[in-house]
Amino acid sequence: MSQKKLPADFEYLPDMYSDRYFPNFLVDKVREIIKEAVGFIEEGDHSTEEIQGAFDKMTSAINELQEEFEENGSEIETAARESIGPTVDNIIKFFNIDIDIEEAIRDRDW
């Protein structure tokens, strides 16, 4: 049985990419971290708890980028949260995952 895949043209972090405050190479790193969680989800046959674990791992990895953002004159803050949150929420909705966005990114430091 074929597993559901996120469309190739899915837009990750549009607000961060359009805001010059966020260096694109760092936004690319955030996108790749989110894509890892998406890859896990696309495998299929994972419980809600396992998917939440992938989101926790994703969020922790994004948290770890904070120092690198600061070193490049930026930070992961409200505007970043307002881009990351909707991106993750769109993924949750696309895959019809029964996890609230606040729960999905519960381990965030931003």
Protein backbone atom coordinates (compact mmCIF):
# COMPACT_ATOMS: atom_id res chain seq x y z
CA MET A 1 0.00 0.00 0.00
CA SER A 2 1.32 3.41 -0.98
CA GLN A 3 1.91 5.85 1.87
CA LYS A 4 0.74 9.45 1.72
CA LYS A 5 3.50 11.90 0.78
CA LEU A 6 3.70 15.63 1.32
CA PRO A 7 3.47 17.39 -2.08
CA ALA A 8 6.84 18.33 -3.60
CA ASP A 9 5.72 21.96 -3.72
CA PHE A 10 4.83 22.09 0.00
CA GLU A 11 5.98 25.47 1.30
CA TYR A 12 8.18 25.21 4.38
CA LEU A 13 8.68 28.31 6.56
CA PRO A 14 7.50 30.93 4.04
CA ASP A 15 7.55 33.78 6.55
CA MET A 16 11.10 33.02 7.68
CA TYR A 17 12.32 32.83 4.09
CA SER A 18 10.68 36.17 3.24
CA ASP A 19 12.13 37.93 6.33
CA ARG A 20 15.73 39.08 5.81
CA TYR A 21 16.26 38.90 9.58
CA PHE A 22 16.62 35.14 9.23
CA PRO A 23 19.67 33.98 7.25
CA ASN A 24 18.44 31.63 4.52
CA PHE A 25 21.15 29.05 5.22
CA LEU A 26 19.86 28.74 8.80
CA VAL A 27 16.23 28.61 7.67
CA ASP A 28 17.37 25.80 5.35
CA LYS A 29 18.66 23.93 8.42
CA VAL A 30 15.29 24.35 10.17
CA ARG A 31 13.54 23.14 7.01
CA GLU A 32 15.76 20.04 6.83
CA ILE A 33 15.03 19.22 10.47
CA ILE A 34 11.29 19.48 9.79
CA LYS A 35 11.72 17.35 6.66
CA GLU A 36 13.27 14.60 8.80
CA ALA A 37 10.07 14.47 10.87
CA VAL A 38 8.01 14.46 7.67
CA GLY A 39 10.07 11.54 6.34
CA PHE A 40 9.30 9.60 9.51
CA ILE A 41 5.58 10.37 9.17
CA GLU A 42 5.59 9.39 5.50
CA GLU A 43 6.89 5.93 6.41
CA GLY A 44 3.40 5.28 7.79
CA ASP A 45 2.33 2.80 10.45
CA HIS A 46 3.49 4.96 13.37
CA SER A 47 1.47 5.58 16.50
CA THR A 48 0.54 9.08 17.61
CA GLU A 49 3.07 8.69 20.42
CA GLU A 50 5.83 7.79 17.96
CA ILE A 51 4.94 10.77 15.78
CA GLN A 52 4.98 13.02 18.84
CA GLY A 53 8.44 11.63 19.58
CA ALA A 54 9.55 12.66 16.09
CA PHE A 55 8.15 16.15 16.69
CA ASP A 56 9.96 16.32 20.05
CA LYS A 57 13.22 15.32 18.36
CA MET A 58 12.57 17.93 15.64
CA THR A 59 11.84 20.66 18.19
CA SER A 60 14.96 19.85 20.23
CA ALA A 61 17.09 20.00 17.08
CA ILE A 62 15.62 23.41 16.20
CA ASN A 63 16.29 24.57 19.78
CA GLU A 64 19.94 23.61 19.28
CA LEU A 65 20.21 26.08 16.38
CA GLN A 66 19.54 29.10 18.59
CA GLU A 67 23.18 29.89 19.24
CA GLU A 68 24.00 29.69 15.52
CA PHE A 69 21.13 32.09 14.78
CA GLU A 70 22.50 34.50 17.40
CA GLU A 71 26.02 34.25 15.96
CA ASN A 72 24.53 35.40 12.65
CA GLY A 73 22.63 38.40 14.02
CA SER A 74 19.28 36.66 14.33
CA GLU A 75 17.35 34.56 16.81
CA ILE A 76 14.57 32.03 16.93
CA GLU A 77 11.80 34.12 18.47
CA THR A 78 8.19 35.15 17.91
CA ALA A 79 8.42 35.62 14.14
CA ALA A 80 10.18 32.28 13.80
CA ARG A 81 7.57 30.58 15.99
CA GLU A 82 4.86 32.14 13.84
CA SER A 83 6.46 30.52 10.78
CA ILE A 84 7.51 27.17 12.25
CA GLY A 85 4.17 26.62 14.02
CA PRO A 86 1.97 27.03 10.93
CA THR A 87 4.36 24.91 8.84
CA VAL A 88 4.13 22.08 11.37
CA ASP A 89 0.37 22.62 11.71
CA ASN A 90 -0.05 22.28 7.93
CA ILE A 91 1.88 19.01 8.08
CA ILE A 92 -0.33 17.76 10.93
CA LYS A 93 -3.45 18.65 8.96
CA PHE A 94 -2.17 17.14 5.70
CA PHE A 95 -1.48 13.80 7.37
CA ASN A 96 -4.59 14.04 9.56
CA ILE A 97 -2.56 13.50 12.74
CA ASP A 98 -4.45 13.75 16.01
CA ILE A 99 -1.94 16.05 17.74
CA ASP A 100 -2.52 19.70 18.63
CA ILE A 101 0.11 22.10 17.27
CA GLU A 102 1.00 23.30 20.78
CA GLU A 103 1.59 19.70 21.82
CA ALA A 104 3.56 18.94 18.66
CA ILE A 105 6.11 21.69 19.42
CA ARG A 106 5.79 21.48 23.20
CA ASP A 107 9.54 21.26 23.82
CA ARG A 108 10.34 24.54 22.09
CA ASP A 109 12.50 27.21 23.66
CA TRP A 110 11.20 29.84 21.24
